[in-house]
Structures are given as structure tokens and as C-alpha cells.
N, C-alpha and C. Protein backbone atom coordinates (compact mmCIF):
# COMPACT_ATOMS: atom_id res chain seq x y z
N MET A 1 0.77 -1.13 -0.12
CA MET A 1 -0.14 0.03 0.25
C MET A 1 0.78 1.29 0.14
N SER A 2 1.65 1.33 0.80
CA SER A 2 2.88 2.53 1.06
C SER A 2 3.33 2.84 -0.53
N ARG A 3 3.74 1.61 -1.47
CA ARG A 3 4.34 2.06 -2.50
C ARG A 3 3.16 2.37 -3.45
N SER A 4 2.33 2.25 -3.57
CA SER A 4 1.23 2.76 -4.43
C SER A 4 0.98 4.02 -4.21
N ALA A 5 0.93 4.24 -2.87
CA ALA A 5 0.67 5.67 -2.28
C ALA A 5 1.92 6.66 -2.79
N ARG A 6 2.96 6.12 -2.34
CA ARG A 6 4.36 6.59 -3.01
C ARG A 6 4.49 6.89 -4.68
N TRP A 7 3.86 6.16 -5.09
CA TRP A 7 4.00 6.39 -6.71
C TRP A 7 2.94 7.37 -6.87
N ALA A 8 1.87 7.14 -6.25
CA ALA A 8 0.97 8.46 -7.12
C ALA A 8 1.48 9.48 -6.48
N THR A 9 1.73 9.76 -5.27
CA THR A 9 2.04 11.21 -4.61
C THR A 9 3.24 11.96 -5.63
N GLU A 10 4.09 10.75 -6.38
CA GLU A 10 5.20 11.22 -7.01
C GLU A 10 4.66 11.69 -8.27
N LEU A 11 4.10 10.61 -9.13
CA LEU A 11 3.44 10.88 -10.36
C LEU A 11 2.66 11.83 -10.96
N LEU A 12 1.55 12.06 -9.85
CA LEU A 12 0.70 13.38 -9.84
C LEU A 12 0.78 13.99 -8.60
N ALA A 13 2.22 14.51 -8.96
CA ALA A 13 2.25 15.74 -8.10
C ALA A 13 2.04 17.05 -8.62
N PRO A 14 1.85 18.18 -7.99
CA PRO A 14 1.17 19.50 -8.61
C PRO A 14 2.02 19.79 -10.13
N TRP A 15 3.59 19.53 -9.60
CA TRP A 15 4.20 20.13 -10.97
C TRP A 15 4.29 19.64 -11.92
N VAL A 16 3.88 18.07 -11.95
CA VAL A 16 3.50 17.19 -13.00
C VAL A 16 2.28 17.51 -13.99
N TRP A 17 1.24 17.90 -12.94
CA TRP A 17 0.09 18.15 -13.57
C TRP A 17 0.15 19.40 -14.26
N VAL A 18 0.96 20.63 -13.77
CA VAL A 18 0.76 22.07 -14.08
C VAL A 18 1.98 22.04 -15.18
N LEU A 19 2.79 21.02 -15.46
CA LEU A 19 3.91 20.76 -16.89
C LEU A 19 2.88 20.29 -18.20
N THR A 20 2.08 19.22 -17.55
CA THR A 20 1.43 19.02 -18.64
C THR A 20 0.32 19.41 -19.19
N LEU A 21 -0.56 19.86 -18.27
CA LEU A 21 -1.85 20.55 -18.32
C LEU A 21 -1.76 21.62 -19.32
N PRO A 22 -0.94 22.84 -19.28
CA PRO A 22 -0.94 23.80 -20.33
C PRO A 22 -0.63 23.46 -21.77
N LEU A 23 0.47 22.14 -21.84
CA LEU A 23 0.60 21.73 -23.38
C LEU A 23 -0.93 20.88 -23.87
N ALA A 24 -1.39 20.43 -22.96
CA ALA A 24 -2.76 19.94 -23.53
C ALA A 24 -3.95 20.94 -24.05
N LEU A 25 -3.92 22.07 -23.23
CA LEU A 25 -4.82 23.11 -23.65
C LEU A 25 -4.52 23.93 -24.72
N ALA A 26 -2.57 24.09 -24.64
CA ALA A 26 -2.58 25.17 -25.85
C ALA A 26 -2.66 24.08 -27.23
N TRP A 27 -2.59 22.63 -27.11
CA TRP A 27 -3.06 22.18 -28.36
C TRP A 27 -4.27 22.28 -28.75
N ASP A 28 -5.51 22.36 -27.94
CA ASP A 28 -6.55 22.65 -28.51
C ASP A 28 -6.82 24.40 -28.71
N ALA A 29 -6.25 24.73 -27.91
CA ALA A 29 -6.47 26.58 -28.16
C ALA A 29 -5.84 27.06 -29.42
N THR A 30 -4.77 26.38 -30.08
CA THR A 30 -4.01 26.94 -31.30
C THR A 30 -4.56 26.16 -32.43
N GLY A 31 -5.84 25.44 -32.46
CA GLY A 31 -6.32 24.78 -33.45
C GLY A 31 -5.33 23.54 -33.93
N HIS A 32 -4.74 22.94 -33.06
CA HIS A 32 -3.64 21.65 -33.12
C HIS A 32 -2.62 22.32 -34.21
N ARG A 33 -1.88 23.45 -33.92
CA ARG A 33 -0.66 23.87 -34.51
C ARG A 33 0.61 23.31 -33.80
N TRP A 34 1.58 22.61 -33.95
CA TRP A 34 2.56 22.08 -33.19
C TRP A 34 3.13 23.58 -32.39
N LEU A 35 3.99 24.45 -33.38
CA LEU A 35 4.70 25.72 -32.99
C LEU A 35 3.91 26.45 -31.72
N PRO A 36 2.70 26.78 -32.49
CA PRO A 36 2.22 28.00 -31.33
C PRO A 36 1.58 26.89 -30.02
N ALA A 37 1.37 25.76 -29.97
CA ALA A 37 0.79 24.92 -29.08
C ALA A 37 2.14 24.79 -27.92
N LEU A 38 3.39 24.37 -28.51
CA LEU A 38 4.27 24.17 -27.94
C LEU A 38 4.76 25.66 -27.18
N SER A 39 4.87 26.57 -28.05
CA SER A 39 5.62 27.92 -27.54
C SER A 39 4.41 28.38 -26.22
N TRP A 40 3.35 28.45 -26.30
CA TRP A 40 2.43 28.89 -25.43
C TRP A 40 2.71 28.00 -24.17
N GLY A 41 2.27 26.66 -24.58
CA GLY A 41 1.96 25.62 -23.48
C GLY A 41 3.30 25.83 -22.38
N LEU A 42 4.58 25.54 -23.24
CA LEU A 42 5.76 25.53 -22.66
C LEU A 42 5.99 26.57 -21.72
N LEU A 43 5.49 27.89 -22.39
CA LEU A 43 5.40 29.14 -21.43
C LEU A 43 5.00 29.21 -20.09
N ILE A 44 3.78 28.30 -20.15
CA ILE A 44 3.10 28.04 -18.89
C ILE A 44 3.66 27.24 -17.92
N ALA A 45 4.22 26.16 -18.78
CA ALA A 45 4.66 24.90 -18.21
C ALA A 45 6.05 25.26 -17.50
N VAL A 46 6.86 26.06 -17.86
CA VAL A 46 7.96 26.61 -17.19
C VAL A 46 7.77 27.28 -16.00
N THR A 47 7.06 28.48 -16.62
CA THR A 47 6.86 29.74 -15.34
C THR A 47 5.99 29.13 -14.10
N GLY A 48 5.17 28.32 -14.64
CA GLY A 48 4.28 27.45 -13.57
C GLY A 48 4.46 26.37 -12.79
N SER A 49 5.76 25.55 -13.29
CA SER A 49 6.13 24.12 -12.85
C SER A 49 7.47 24.01 -12.71
N LEU A 50 8.02 24.09 -13.70
CA LEU A 50 9.89 23.66 -13.66
C LEU A 50 10.28 24.95 -12.75
N LEU A 51 10.19 26.44 -13.07
CA LEU A 51 11.18 26.99 -12.31
C LEU A 51 10.53 27.13 -10.79
N PRO A 52 9.35 27.24 -10.73
CA PRO A 52 8.90 27.19 -8.88
C PRO A 52 9.56 25.72 -8.48
N MET A 53 9.57 24.64 -8.96
CA MET A 53 10.40 22.93 -8.73
C MET A 53 11.71 23.35 -8.49
N ALA A 54 12.26 24.02 -9.35
CA ALA A 54 13.66 24.09 -9.40
C ALA A 54 14.00 25.07 -8.03
N VAL A 55 13.54 25.76 -7.56
CA VAL A 55 13.48 26.42 -6.38
C VAL A 55 13.25 25.21 -5.11
N ILE A 56 12.04 24.61 -5.27
CA ILE A 56 11.84 23.95 -4.09
C ILE A 56 12.79 22.77 -3.58
N VAL A 57 13.21 22.46 -5.13
CA VAL A 57 14.26 21.26 -5.02
C VAL A 57 15.75 21.48 -4.50
N ARG A 58 15.89 22.82 -4.94
CA ARG A 58 17.41 23.25 -4.34
C ARG A 58 17.45 23.90 -3.05
N GLY A 59 15.97 24.15 -2.46
CA GLY A 59 15.59 24.65 -1.03
C GLY A 59 15.93 23.24 -0.16
N ALA A 60 15.25 22.19 -0.82
CA ALA A 60 15.38 20.80 0.10
C ALA A 60 16.34 20.21 -0.10
N ARG A 61 17.15 20.53 -1.02
CA ARG A 61 18.72 19.91 -0.97
C ARG A 61 19.44 20.32 0.11
N ARG A 62 19.31 21.94 0.44
CA ARG A 62 19.86 22.56 1.56
C ARG A 62 19.47 22.79 2.69
N GLY A 63 18.40 21.92 2.88
CA GLY A 63 17.60 21.56 4.37
C GLY A 63 16.77 22.48 4.62
N GLU A 64 16.37 23.61 3.92
CA GLU A 64 15.72 24.84 4.38
C GLU A 64 14.08 24.46 4.39
N TRP A 65 13.75 23.13 4.09
CA TRP A 65 12.16 22.78 4.28
C TRP A 65 12.40 21.05 4.35
N ASP A 66 11.40 20.47 4.51
CA ASP A 66 11.50 19.13 4.92
C ASP A 66 11.63 18.03 3.59
N GLY A 67 11.76 18.51 2.37
CA GLY A 67 11.44 17.75 1.09
C GLY A 67 11.06 18.49 -0.22
N HIS A 68 10.88 17.95 -1.32
CA HIS A 68 10.57 18.42 -2.38
C HIS A 68 8.66 18.47 -2.56
N HIS A 69 8.18 17.67 -1.74
CA HIS A 69 6.62 17.95 -1.33
C HIS A 69 6.31 19.04 -0.59
N VAL A 70 7.38 19.84 0.49
CA VAL A 70 6.94 20.49 1.74
C VAL A 70 5.82 20.38 2.17
N THR A 71 5.92 19.39 2.75
CA THR A 71 4.66 18.90 4.08
C THR A 71 4.79 19.73 5.12
N ASN A 72 5.93 20.62 5.52
CA ASN A 72 5.61 21.18 6.54
C ASN A 72 4.98 22.47 6.23
N ARG A 73 3.92 22.98 6.97
CA ARG A 73 3.26 24.26 6.36
C ARG A 73 3.59 25.28 6.37
N ALA A 74 4.60 25.35 7.53
CA ALA A 74 5.36 26.88 7.66
C ALA A 74 6.52 26.99 6.37
N GLY A 75 6.82 26.01 6.23
CA GLY A 75 7.96 25.86 4.98
C GLY A 75 7.66 26.31 3.76
N ARG A 76 6.18 26.23 3.59
CA ARG A 76 5.61 26.97 2.23
C ARG A 76 5.72 27.81 1.80
N ARG A 77 6.28 29.35 2.56
CA ARG A 77 6.25 30.38 2.27
C ARG A 77 6.87 30.61 0.94
N VAL A 78 8.16 30.41 1.13
CA VAL A 78 9.36 30.68 -0.04
C VAL A 78 8.75 30.05 -1.40
N PRO A 79 8.22 28.82 -1.15
CA PRO A 79 8.06 27.99 -2.64
C PRO A 79 7.02 28.57 -3.22
N MET A 80 5.80 29.05 -2.29
CA MET A 80 4.96 29.56 -2.78
C MET A 80 5.09 30.92 -3.59
N LEU A 81 5.71 31.98 -2.72
CA LEU A 81 6.24 33.20 -3.48
C LEU A 81 6.94 32.89 -4.42
N ALA A 82 7.68 32.00 -4.71
CA ALA A 82 8.58 31.80 -5.86
C ALA A 82 7.50 31.56 -7.11
N ALA A 83 6.73 30.58 -6.65
CA ALA A 83 5.37 30.18 -7.73
C ALA A 83 4.70 31.41 -8.27
N GLY A 84 4.57 32.34 -7.20
CA GLY A 84 3.74 33.11 -7.61
C GLY A 84 4.21 34.27 -8.42
N LEU A 85 5.81 34.59 -8.21
CA LEU A 85 6.54 35.60 -8.88
C LEU A 85 6.70 35.11 -10.38
N SER A 86 6.86 33.55 -10.27
CA SER A 86 7.10 32.79 -11.53
C SER A 86 6.10 32.96 -12.58
N LEU A 87 4.89 32.26 -11.98
CA LEU A 87 3.61 32.49 -12.60
C LEU A 87 3.11 33.78 -13.07
N GLY A 88 3.46 34.95 -12.27
CA GLY A 88 3.05 36.09 -12.65
C GLY A 88 3.98 36.29 -13.81
N LEU A 89 5.32 36.33 -13.98
CA LEU A 89 5.89 36.67 -14.81
C LEU A 89 5.45 35.98 -16.31
N GLY A 90 4.83 34.71 -16.42
CA GLY A 90 4.61 34.16 -17.25
C GLY A 90 3.28 34.72 -18.06
N PHE A 91 2.04 35.22 -17.14
CA PHE A 91 1.18 35.58 -17.00
C PHE A 91 1.33 37.02 -17.85
N ALA A 92 2.12 37.68 -17.64
CA ALA A 92 2.58 39.16 -18.16
C ALA A 92 2.73 38.85 -19.67
N VAL A 93 3.58 38.06 -19.89
CA VAL A 93 4.07 37.44 -21.34
C VAL A 93 2.58 37.16 -21.84
N LEU A 94 1.73 36.34 -21.41
CA LEU A 94 0.61 35.58 -22.45
C LEU A 94 0.06 36.96 -22.44
N LEU A 95 -0.39 37.91 -21.91
CA LEU A 95 -0.68 39.00 -22.34
C LEU A 95 -0.13 39.90 -23.17
N ALA A 96 0.90 40.19 -22.92
CA ALA A 96 1.62 41.12 -24.02
C ALA A 96 1.83 40.51 -25.18
N GLY A 97 1.67 39.22 -25.43
CA GLY A 97 1.99 38.37 -26.50
C GLY A 97 0.77 38.39 -27.36
N ASP A 98 -0.42 38.27 -26.52
CA ASP A 98 -1.89 38.18 -27.34
C ASP A 98 -2.00 36.67 -27.48
N ALA A 99 -1.56 35.86 -26.41
CA ALA A 99 -1.75 34.31 -26.34
C ALA A 99 -3.21 34.17 -26.30
N PRO A 100 -3.54 32.58 -26.71
CA PRO A 100 -4.90 32.53 -26.94
C PRO A 100 -5.82 32.82 -25.60
N LYS A 101 -7.10 32.84 -25.52
CA LYS A 101 -7.60 33.21 -24.30
C LYS A 101 -7.64 32.02 -23.65
N ALA A 102 -7.89 30.95 -23.89
CA ALA A 102 -8.13 29.76 -22.89
C ALA A 102 -6.99 29.39 -22.00
N LEU A 103 -5.47 30.21 -22.57
CA LEU A 103 -4.17 29.98 -21.97
C LEU A 103 -4.17 30.92 -21.01
N VAL A 104 -4.54 32.15 -21.32
CA VAL A 104 -4.70 33.30 -20.43
C VAL A 104 -5.57 32.80 -19.24
N ALA A 105 -7.01 32.61 -19.71
CA ALA A 105 -7.65 32.06 -18.28
C ALA A 105 -7.20 31.00 -17.64
N LEU A 106 -6.35 29.99 -18.37
CA LEU A 106 -5.84 28.96 -17.30
C LEU A 106 -4.71 29.80 -16.13
N ALA A 107 -3.72 30.50 -16.81
CA ALA A 107 -2.88 31.23 -16.07
C ALA A 107 -3.30 31.86 -14.95
N ALA A 108 -4.41 32.62 -15.47
CA ALA A 108 -4.89 33.43 -14.18
C ALA A 108 -5.43 32.64 -13.32
N SER A 109 -6.57 31.27 -13.59
CA SER A 109 -6.90 30.45 -12.82
C SER A 109 -6.01 30.26 -11.91
N MET A 110 -4.82 29.84 -12.52
CA MET A 110 -3.66 29.10 -11.09
C MET A 110 -3.16 30.09 -10.56
N LEU A 111 -3.15 31.28 -10.82
CA LEU A 111 -2.55 32.60 -9.81
C LEU A 111 -3.84 32.73 -8.81
N ALA A 112 -5.06 32.68 -9.51
CA ALA A 112 -5.95 32.90 -8.14
C ALA A 112 -6.05 31.46 -7.34
N SER A 113 -5.83 30.55 -7.83
CA SER A 113 -5.63 29.41 -6.86
C SER A 113 -4.40 29.42 -5.73
N LEU A 114 -3.44 29.74 -6.44
CA LEU A 114 -2.21 30.07 -5.41
C LEU A 114 -2.40 31.24 -4.42
N VAL A 115 -3.26 31.98 -4.40
CA VAL A 115 -3.68 33.13 -3.49
C VAL A 115 -4.38 32.76 -2.78
N VAL A 116 -5.59 31.77 -3.07
CA VAL A 116 -6.40 31.25 -2.14
C VAL A 116 -5.55 30.37 -1.16
N ALA A 117 -4.44 29.61 -1.62
CA ALA A 117 -4.25 28.31 -1.17
C ALA A 117 -3.17 29.24 -0.12
N VAL A 118 -2.51 30.02 -0.53
CA VAL A 118 -1.51 30.89 0.32
C VAL A 118 -2.58 31.62 1.56
N ALA A 119 -3.77 31.99 1.37
CA ALA A 119 -4.67 32.52 2.11
C ALA A 119 -4.87 31.41 3.38
N ILE A 120 -5.47 30.36 2.77
CA ILE A 120 -5.89 29.28 3.59
C ILE A 120 -4.90 28.61 4.16
N THR A 121 -3.41 28.79 3.69
CA THR A 121 -2.19 27.80 4.59
C THR A 121 -1.93 28.92 5.65
N PHE A 122 -1.67 30.12 5.23
CA PHE A 122 -1.05 30.81 6.39
C PHE A 122 -1.95 31.96 7.14
N GLY A 123 -2.94 32.13 6.51
CA GLY A 123 -4.24 33.03 7.31
C GLY A 123 -5.00 32.25 7.96
N TRP A 124 -5.40 30.95 7.81
CA TRP A 124 -6.08 29.90 8.31
C TRP A 124 -5.23 29.29 9.14
N LYS A 125 -4.00 29.10 8.72
CA LYS A 125 -3.15 28.30 9.33
C LYS A 125 -3.70 26.45 9.14
N PHE A 126 -4.28 26.44 7.81
CA PHE A 126 -4.78 25.10 7.34
C PHE A 126 -3.78 24.56 6.39
N LYS A 127 -3.26 23.29 6.38
CA LYS A 127 -2.23 22.64 5.44
C LYS A 127 -3.23 21.88 4.38
N ILE A 128 -3.80 22.98 3.31
CA ILE A 128 -4.77 22.52 2.20
C ILE A 128 -3.66 21.57 1.41
N SER A 129 -4.10 20.24 0.91
CA SER A 129 -3.46 19.63 0.04
C SER A 129 -3.53 20.13 -1.47
N LEU A 130 -2.10 20.81 -1.72
CA LEU A 130 -1.91 21.14 -3.05
C LEU A 130 -2.03 20.11 -4.11
N HIS A 131 -1.68 18.96 -3.52
CA HIS A 131 -1.91 17.63 -4.65
C HIS A 131 -3.25 17.58 -5.11
N ALA A 132 -4.06 17.45 -4.23
CA ALA A 132 -5.41 17.27 -4.63
C ALA A 132 -5.99 18.72 -5.14
N ALA A 133 -5.85 19.72 -5.05
CA ALA A 133 -6.17 20.84 -5.31
C ALA A 133 -5.92 21.04 -7.05
N VAL A 134 -4.50 20.89 -7.19
CA VAL A 134 -4.12 20.90 -8.73
C VAL A 134 -4.69 19.80 -9.35
N ALA A 135 -4.83 18.36 -9.19
CA ALA A 135 -5.11 17.24 -9.58
C ALA A 135 -6.89 17.79 -10.32
N SER A 136 -7.46 17.95 -8.99
CA SER A 136 -8.88 18.27 -9.29
C SER A 136 -9.03 19.59 -10.30
N ALA A 137 -8.54 20.36 -10.29
CA ALA A 137 -8.44 21.68 -10.92
C ALA A 137 -8.56 21.32 -12.29
N ALA A 138 -7.10 20.43 -12.30
CA ALA A 138 -6.62 20.30 -13.98
C ALA A 138 -7.78 19.26 -14.64
N VAL A 139 -8.38 18.33 -14.08
CA VAL A 139 -9.35 17.25 -14.50
C VAL A 139 -10.45 18.19 -15.06
N VAL A 140 -11.20 19.26 -14.08
CA VAL A 140 -12.08 19.85 -14.51
C VAL A 140 -11.69 20.89 -16.15
N VAL A 141 -10.88 21.30 -15.83
CA VAL A 141 -10.18 22.04 -17.13
C VAL A 141 -10.43 21.16 -18.39
N LEU A 142 -9.71 19.99 -18.24
CA LEU A 142 -9.66 19.15 -19.49
C LEU A 142 -10.94 18.86 -19.66
N MET A 143 -11.87 18.33 -18.81
CA MET A 143 -13.29 18.14 -19.00
C MET A 143 -13.90 19.36 -19.93
N LEU A 144 -13.61 20.35 -19.60
CA LEU A 144 -14.26 21.47 -20.07
C LEU A 144 -13.84 21.78 -21.37
N THR A 145 -12.35 21.38 -21.51
CA THR A 145 -11.92 21.27 -23.09
C THR A 145 -12.03 20.35 -24.05
N TYR A 146 -11.83 19.16 -23.68
CA TYR A 146 -11.99 17.53 -24.62
C TYR A 146 -13.34 17.39 -24.15
N GLY A 147 -14.37 17.52 -23.39
CA GLY A 147 -15.41 16.87 -23.18
C GLY A 147 -15.74 15.69 -21.93
N PRO A 148 -16.73 15.09 -21.57
CA PRO A 148 -16.92 14.15 -20.46
C PRO A 148 -15.80 12.93 -20.35
N TRP A 149 -14.92 12.62 -21.73
CA TRP A 149 -14.34 11.31 -21.17
C TRP A 149 -13.31 11.87 -20.32
N ALA A 150 -12.87 13.16 -20.42
CA ALA A 150 -11.88 13.56 -19.41
C ALA A 150 -12.06 12.94 -18.07
N LEU A 151 -13.41 13.33 -17.51
CA LEU A 151 -13.76 12.59 -16.03
C LEU A 151 -13.21 11.57 -16.08
N LEU A 152 -12.79 10.69 -16.70
CA LEU A 152 -12.14 9.16 -16.43
C LEU A 152 -10.89 9.50 -15.40
N LEU A 153 -10.41 10.79 -15.81
CA LEU A 153 -8.79 11.11 -15.13
C LEU A 153 -9.48 11.29 -13.44
N ALA A 154 -10.76 11.61 -13.12
CA ALA A 154 -10.93 11.91 -11.71
C ALA A 154 -10.55 10.45 -11.08
N LEU A 155 -10.25 9.24 -11.42
CA LEU A 155 -9.88 8.00 -10.91
C LEU A 155 -8.26 8.35 -10.46
N LEU A 156 -7.58 9.48 -11.29
CA LEU A 156 -6.39 9.48 -10.81
C LEU A 156 -6.08 10.42 -9.58
N VAL A 157 -7.54 11.49 -9.86
CA VAL A 157 -7.50 12.44 -8.62
C VAL A 157 -7.90 11.61 -7.41
N ALA A 158 -8.65 10.69 -7.61
CA ALA A 158 -8.96 9.72 -6.10
C ALA A 158 -7.47 9.29 -5.90
N TRP A 159 -6.95 8.45 -6.57
CA TRP A 159 -5.71 7.80 -6.36
C TRP A 159 -4.81 8.59 -5.39
N VAL A 160 -4.37 9.93 -5.98
CA VAL A 160 -3.38 10.97 -5.17
C VAL A 160 -3.89 11.28 -4.27
N ALA A 161 -5.49 11.67 -3.92
CA ALA A 161 -5.96 12.16 -2.77
C ALA A 161 -5.94 11.04 -1.91
N TRP A 162 -6.14 9.70 -2.26
CA TRP A 162 -5.97 8.58 -1.02
C TRP A 162 -4.54 8.60 -0.48
N SER A 163 -3.57 8.92 -1.55
CA SER A 163 -1.97 8.47 -1.26
C SER A 163 -1.63 9.41 -0.43
N ARG A 164 -2.19 10.94 -0.32
CA ARG A 164 -1.78 12.03 0.72
C ARG A 164 -2.29 11.51 2.06
N VAL A 165 -3.13 10.63 2.24
CA VAL A 165 -3.84 10.58 3.55
C VAL A 165 -3.03 9.40 4.12
N ALA A 166 -2.76 8.32 3.27
CA ALA A 166 -2.11 7.01 3.11
C ALA A 166 -0.74 6.98 3.85
N LEU A 167 -0.21 8.26 3.40
CA LEU A 167 1.45 8.62 3.60
C LEU A 167 1.28 9.55 5.04
N ARG A 168 0.40 9.93 5.39
CA ARG A 168 0.06 10.76 6.79
C ARG A 168 0.66 11.99 6.40
N ASP A 169 0.66 12.60 4.94
CA ASP A 169 1.31 13.90 4.50
C ASP A 169 -0.09 14.84 5.10
N HIS A 170 -1.26 14.51 4.93
CA HIS A 170 -2.38 15.24 5.04
C HIS A 170 -3.44 14.60 5.80
N THR A 171 -4.14 15.17 6.71
CA THR A 171 -5.33 14.54 7.06
C THR A 171 -6.30 14.67 5.66
N ALA A 172 -7.50 13.68 6.24
CA ALA A 172 -8.82 13.73 5.58
C ALA A 172 -9.36 15.21 4.87
N PRO A 173 -9.73 16.00 6.27
CA PRO A 173 -10.14 17.25 5.55
C PRO A 173 -8.95 18.15 4.92
N GLU A 174 -7.79 17.74 4.91
CA GLU A 174 -7.22 19.02 4.25
C GLU A 174 -7.21 18.37 2.68
N VAL A 175 -7.17 17.31 2.46
CA VAL A 175 -7.28 16.57 1.01
C VAL A 175 -8.92 16.93 0.58
N LEU A 176 -9.97 16.66 1.59
CA LEU A 176 -11.42 17.01 0.96
C LEU A 176 -11.18 18.81 0.48
N ALA A 177 -10.49 19.27 1.41
CA ALA A 177 -10.63 20.75 1.26
C ALA A 177 -9.54 21.19 0.15
N GLY A 178 -8.63 20.63 -0.28
CA GLY A 178 -7.86 20.69 -1.60
C GLY A 178 -8.87 20.44 -2.88
N LEU A 179 -9.42 19.30 -2.58
CA LEU A 179 -10.22 19.05 -3.89
C LEU A 179 -11.30 19.76 -4.17
N VAL A 180 -11.74 20.59 -3.14
CA VAL A 180 -12.99 21.27 -3.30
C VAL A 180 -12.25 22.93 -4.09
N MET A 181 -11.53 22.88 -3.39
CA MET A 181 -10.64 24.33 -3.68
C MET A 181 -10.67 23.85 -5.31
N GLY A 182 -9.85 22.87 -5.51
CA GLY A 182 -9.34 22.79 -7.08
C GLY A 182 -10.67 22.90 -7.80
N VAL A 183 -11.92 22.39 -7.56
CA VAL A 183 -12.98 22.21 -8.36
C VAL A 183 -13.62 23.49 -8.77
N VAL A 184 -13.59 24.53 -7.32
CA VAL A 184 -14.35 25.45 -7.47
C VAL A 184 -13.47 26.89 -7.79
N VAL A 185 -12.47 27.07 -7.43
CA VAL A 185 -11.48 27.76 -7.75
C VAL A 185 -10.60 27.93 -8.83
N GLY A 186 -9.89 26.82 -9.05
CA GLY A 186 -9.10 26.21 -10.20
C GLY A 186 -9.87 25.82 -11.44
N GLY A 187 -10.71 25.13 -11.43
CA GLY A 187 -11.58 24.83 -12.45
C GLY A 187 -12.73 25.58 -12.75
N GLY A 188 -13.49 25.56 -11.71
CA GLY A 188 -14.41 27.06 -11.81
C GLY A 188 -13.94 28.41 -12.27
N GLY A 189 -12.93 28.86 -11.72
CA GLY A 189 -12.21 30.28 -11.86
C GLY A 189 -11.76 30.05 -13.44
N TYR A 190 -11.45 29.02 -13.92
CA TYR A 190 -10.85 28.83 -15.34
C TYR A 190 -12.36 29.14 -16.16
N TRP A 191 -13.29 28.53 -15.91
CA TRP A 191 -14.52 28.11 -17.03
C TRP A 191 -15.21 29.97 -16.89
N ALA A 192 -15.19 30.36 -15.84
CA ALA A 192 -15.60 31.90 -15.45
C ALA A 192 -14.79 32.67 -16.32
N LEU A 193 -13.58 32.69 -16.20
CA LEU A 193 -12.48 33.53 -17.04
C LEU A 193 -12.79 33.15 -18.16
N LEU A 194 -12.77 32.21 -18.88
CA LEU A 194 -12.57 31.83 -20.31
C LEU A 194 -14.44 32.23 -20.82
N THR A 195 -15.32 32.17 -19.87
CA THR A 195 -16.49 32.91 -20.52
C THR A 195 -16.44 34.24 -20.48
N ALA A 196 -16.00 35.10 -19.82
CA ALA A 196 -15.62 36.33 -19.53
C ALA A 196 -14.76 36.90 -20.62
N LEU A 197 -13.53 36.36 -20.99
CA LEU A 197 -12.50 36.72 -22.16
C LEU A 197 -13.50 36.20 -23.37
N THR A 198 -14.14 35.16 -23.53
CA THR A 198 -15.12 35.33 -25.00
C THR A 198 -16.34 35.71 -25.28
N ALA A 199 -16.83 36.24 -23.94
CA ALA A 199 -18.05 36.71 -24.31
C ALA A 199 -18.06 37.93 -25.51
């Protein structure tokens, strides 16, 4: 059981979803054109996933927090700040470059989710599960983009949600809160922003 939980936690970590989701979305948003899809998708993937993860891994190796998943709530300050600055830079480039509206909405919803996560983590002092939040948001976005078949990915969301409790990195309420935040803020925010941008 612990091996399955560990696999889920690593393979379905937030950085993995944030690395792959923009590429999947960009493929649809650019009309299935490889170069624009890669350009816009990689911009969000790099600023939303790879750069923040580089900061997290470096800090973990130097002992600044408890590992690359940063399970200690207090240790999340610098990683969340790094993620906000990096993603904010990417968002600014999207706006300046007149990126497809779906990708602008995605980046904006990611920033909104990060702000809410920071408020919950440090304002309410509640260690919400970012694994659960990012996974559930990604599935909602993919379902809105590619249709109801994407809902099958909810099985992966259930797997990673279970893993966080099984590994005792989170309590069940922390994981449930993450799932709700992902659906409402990440997925719902994306839908609301895209609707406003395309109205």
C-alpha cells in the first residue's frame, strides 16, 4: 500500500499536472498547430511548474524545508512566493503576446488558486492539500476542453487524494478541502474567466 501511495504522490504531484496541462490545453487552443501549442504551453509549463520546482528542489537539498513536497506548512512560504512570481511573469508574457484566451484564463485561474492557497495556508493556518487541489482543477479544465471523457481522469485524482492520507502527509479534511478548492477556484475560475474573455 505504501508503495502505491508513494507512486501516486510522485507521479501525480502538482508540478507534473502543471507541466502537462498547459500543453494539452494549448494543443486545443491553437487549433492543433504544433509550434504555437508548444510555445504557449511551454511558457506556462516552465513558469508555473519547472522554475518553482527548481526553487523547491534546491531548498530541499539545502535543508531549508522538509523535502520536495514541502509537507511542513511553515516551509511553504518561499516556494509559494517563488511560484507566484514565476507564474506572474509568465502571465504577463501571455498578455503581452496576445496568447489564446484559454491559456490566459488558465494562467489567471492558477494565480487565483495560488492566492487562495496562500490565504488558507497562512491566514487560516490550515495545510490544504495542493496535490488534491491541482489534480482536481486539472481534470475540470480538461473536461471543459475535451469533453466528458476527461472525467475518467478523476480516478487519478482519487488515487492521489488517497495517497496523501495514506502517507500521513495530510489529514482527510485537508485533502477534501484541496479537492473542493481545485474544483471551485481552479476549474470554476477557469470556466468563469474563459467565459468572460470570450463573451
